[in-house]
Amino acid sequence: MADINPSNKIPARPQKGLYLRKQDLRRGIELMFFAYRDFTGEADDVLAELGLGRAHHRVIYFVGRQPNMTVSDLLTILKITKQSLSRVLSHLVAEGYIRQEQGARDKRQRLLSLTYRGEDLEERLTDLQCKRFAAAFSACGGEAVAGFQDVLANLINEDERAALQARYPDLFE
């Protein structure tokens, strides 16, 4: 792979008032790419051993966060097609990670929850990623963590941010 930063040094941080220089924006994009690559890497290795991928991980994670969520809610969160979700969800149900039940009030509703096997996998994957976040947060301190979370929140489309605030009030505290 070509080295896009021949000096192998992280470029200097932007000075106050200079956050919108192209090189600073590119630095942010590149750091996000490499951070995401490494953040997902360990989980990807575990998933690969099980014949699963990132799409499976996203479903397991969000179903684990909201037991008995509807398929419709999951589609809204993931912003994927029914066809894409159906393929992944069918596989997770067949492999015993997710359980589907009919809604009590609306029989057309499918409520999703993790099985014990799904809970174990979700915990294993989340623990790996929590350790990475804990190390990074500890290295940077509280002010940096708050700034990082603000940046992430502001990368979310404004209309979507409002919807997410309603669904996950503690996410934007």
Protein backbone atom coordinates (compact mmCIF):
# COMPACT_ATOMS: atom_id res chain seq x y z
CA MET A 1 0.00 0.00 0.00
CA ALA A 2 1.37 3.42 -0.92
CA ASP A 3 2.34 5.63 2.00
CA ILE A 4 0.25 8.76 1.71
CA ASN A 5 2.27 10.47 4.45
CA PRO A 6 5.92 9.79 3.56
CA SER A 7 7.25 11.29 6.79
CA ASN A 8 5.10 8.84 8.79
CA LYS A 9 4.22 11.68 11.12
CA ILE A 10 0.73 12.87 11.87
CA PRO A 11 0.57 16.39 10.45
CA ALA A 12 0.43 19.25 12.92
CA ARG A 13 -2.97 20.02 14.40
CA PRO A 14 -4.82 22.98 12.92
CA GLN A 15 -4.45 26.29 14.70
CA LYS A 16 -7.51 28.11 16.03
CA GLY A 17 -9.47 29.66 13.21
CA LEU A 18 -7.85 27.48 10.54
CA TYR A 19 -10.13 24.45 10.77
CA LEU A 20 -11.44 24.75 7.25
CA ARG A 21 -8.18 24.51 5.36
CA LYS A 22 -8.29 21.70 2.82
CA GLN A 23 -5.26 19.96 4.33
CA ASP A 24 -6.91 19.96 7.77
CA LEU A 25 -10.14 18.56 6.34
CA ARG A 26 -8.21 15.85 4.48
CA ARG A 27 -6.33 15.04 7.68
CA GLY A 28 -9.67 14.53 9.45
CA ILE A 29 -10.97 12.34 6.62
CA GLU A 30 -7.82 10.21 6.59
CA LEU A 31 -7.68 9.86 10.37
CA MET A 32 -11.35 8.81 10.39
CA PHE A 33 -10.68 6.23 7.67
CA PHE A 34 -7.71 4.68 9.48
CA ALA A 35 -9.41 4.84 12.88
CA TYR A 36 -12.52 3.13 11.50
CA ARG A 37 -10.39 0.50 9.76
CA ASP A 38 -8.64 -0.38 13.00
CA PHE A 39 -11.76 0.03 15.16
CA THR A 40 -13.60 -2.55 13.07
CA GLY A 41 -10.59 -4.79 12.39
CA GLU A 42 -10.63 -6.87 15.57
CA ALA A 43 -14.38 -7.37 15.37
CA ASP A 44 -14.06 -8.27 11.67
CA ASP A 45 -11.60 -11.04 12.59
CA VAL A 46 -14.05 -12.54 15.12
CA LEU A 47 -16.93 -12.23 12.65
CA ALA A 48 -14.92 -13.85 9.83
CA GLU A 49 -14.24 -16.89 12.03
CA LEU A 50 -18.03 -17.28 12.29
CA GLY A 51 -18.78 -16.64 8.63
CA LEU A 52 -20.28 -13.24 9.42
CA GLY A 53 -19.51 -9.71 8.29
CA ARG A 54 -19.99 -6.06 9.25
CA ALA A 55 -23.63 -6.04 8.18
CA HIS A 56 -24.30 -8.89 10.62
CA HIS A 57 -22.43 -6.97 13.31
CA ARG A 58 -24.53 -3.83 12.84
CA VAL A 59 -27.76 -5.83 13.12
CA ILE A 60 -26.56 -7.71 16.21
CA TYR A 61 -25.37 -4.50 17.84
CA PHE A 62 -28.58 -2.51 17.40
CA VAL A 63 -30.91 -5.40 18.18
CA GLY A 64 -28.85 -5.94 21.33
CA ARG A 65 -29.22 -2.26 22.26
CA GLN A 66 -33.00 -2.35 21.78
CA PRO A 67 -34.50 -5.78 22.44
CA ASN A 68 -37.87 -6.34 20.76
CA MET A 69 -37.20 -3.70 18.14
CA THR A 70 -39.24 -3.91 14.98
CA VAL A 71 -37.79 -4.69 11.59
CA SER A 72 -39.07 -1.29 10.48
CA ASP A 73 -37.10 0.46 13.25
CA LEU A 74 -33.98 -1.46 12.32
CA LEU A 75 -34.37 -0.46 8.66
CA THR A 76 -34.67 3.17 9.75
CA ILE A 77 -31.53 2.99 11.88
CA LEU A 78 -29.38 1.17 9.32
CA LYS A 79 -30.77 2.98 6.26
CA ILE A 80 -30.59 -0.13 4.12
CA THR A 81 -33.09 -1.82 1.84
CA LYS A 82 -35.50 -4.51 3.02
CA GLN A 83 -33.77 -6.90 0.63
CA SER A 84 -30.33 -6.26 2.18
CA LEU A 85 -31.67 -6.63 5.70
CA SER A 86 -33.65 -9.73 4.81
CA ARG A 87 -30.55 -11.56 3.62
CA VAL A 88 -28.54 -10.69 6.75
CA LEU A 89 -31.42 -11.19 9.17
CA SER A 90 -32.37 -14.57 7.70
CA HIS A 91 -28.78 -15.73 8.16
CA LEU A 92 -28.65 -14.50 11.78
CA VAL A 93 -31.96 -16.21 12.59
CA ALA A 94 -30.85 -19.46 10.91
CA GLU A 95 -27.55 -19.41 12.82
CA GLY A 96 -29.33 -18.85 16.13
CA TYR A 97 -28.16 -15.30 16.92
CA ILE A 98 -31.52 -13.53 16.57
CA ARG A 99 -35.07 -14.47 17.46
CA GLN A 100 -38.10 -13.07 15.62
CA GLU A 101 -41.55 -12.92 17.23
CA GLN A 102 -44.88 -11.55 16.10
CA GLY A 103 -46.04 -8.30 17.61
CA ALA A 104 -48.71 -8.70 20.28
CA ARG A 105 -50.91 -5.90 18.93
CA ASP A 106 -49.98 -6.10 15.26
CA LYS A 107 -49.39 -9.63 13.99
CA ARG A 108 -47.62 -8.23 10.90
CA GLN A 109 -44.89 -6.77 13.08
CA ARG A 110 -41.72 -8.77 13.56
CA LEU A 111 -39.99 -8.06 16.87
CA LEU A 112 -36.29 -8.83 17.01
CA SER A 113 -34.19 -9.80 20.00
CA LEU A 114 -30.90 -11.56 20.56
CA THR A 115 -30.75 -15.18 21.61
CA TYR A 116 -28.23 -16.18 24.28
CA ARG A 117 -25.81 -16.95 21.48
CA GLY A 118 -26.42 -13.50 19.99
CA GLU A 119 -25.96 -11.82 23.36
CA ASP A 120 -22.62 -13.58 23.84
CA LEU A 121 -21.40 -12.50 20.41
CA GLU A 122 -22.62 -8.91 20.84
CA GLU A 123 -20.85 -8.68 24.20
CA ARG A 124 -17.63 -10.12 22.79
CA LEU A 125 -17.57 -7.68 19.86
CA THR A 126 -18.59 -4.67 21.93
CA ASP A 127 -15.97 -5.46 24.58
CA LEU A 128 -13.26 -5.38 21.91
CA GLN A 129 -14.44 -2.01 20.67
CA CYS A 130 -14.98 -0.61 24.17
CA LYS A 131 -11.37 -1.43 25.06
CA ARG A 132 -10.16 0.50 22.01
CA PHE A 133 -12.35 3.49 22.89
CA ALA A 134 -11.34 3.36 26.57
CA ALA A 135 -7.64 3.43 25.66
CA ALA A 136 -8.11 6.32 23.23
CA PHE A 137 -10.31 8.28 25.65
CA SER A 138 -7.83 7.74 28.49
CA ALA A 139 -4.96 8.92 26.32
CA CYS A 140 -6.75 12.12 25.34
CA GLY A 141 -8.66 13.28 28.41
CA GLY A 142 -12.16 14.51 29.03
CA GLU A 143 -12.04 17.74 27.03
CA ALA A 144 -10.81 15.92 23.93
CA VAL A 145 -13.45 13.21 24.37
CA ALA A 146 -16.21 15.82 24.57
CA GLY A 147 -14.83 17.53 21.45
CA PHE A 148 -14.60 14.24 19.58
CA GLN A 149 -18.18 13.36 20.45
CA ASP A 150 -19.32 16.82 19.34
CA VAL A 151 -17.55 16.37 16.01
CA LEU A 152 -19.14 12.96 15.47
CA ALA A 153 -22.59 14.28 16.36
CA ASN A 154 -22.16 17.13 13.89
CA LEU A 155 -21.10 14.77 11.10
CA ILE A 156 -24.61 13.29 11.25
CA ASN A 157 -27.09 14.96 8.89
CA GLU A 158 -29.02 17.62 10.81
CA ASP A 159 -32.48 16.12 10.20
CA GLU A 160 -31.21 12.66 11.15
CA ARG A 161 -29.56 14.08 14.27
CA ALA A 162 -32.95 15.32 15.50
CA ALA A 163 -34.52 11.91 14.91
CA LEU A 164 -31.64 10.19 16.69
CA GLN A 165 -31.91 12.58 19.64
CA ALA A 166 -35.54 11.52 20.05
CA ARG A 167 -34.64 7.81 19.83
CA TYR A 168 -31.41 7.98 21.89
CA PRO A 169 -31.64 10.98 24.22
CA ASP A 170 -28.50 9.98 26.16
CA LEU A 171 -26.44 9.88 22.96
CA PHE A 172 -26.37 13.65 22.65
CA GLU A 173 -25.98 14.74 26.30
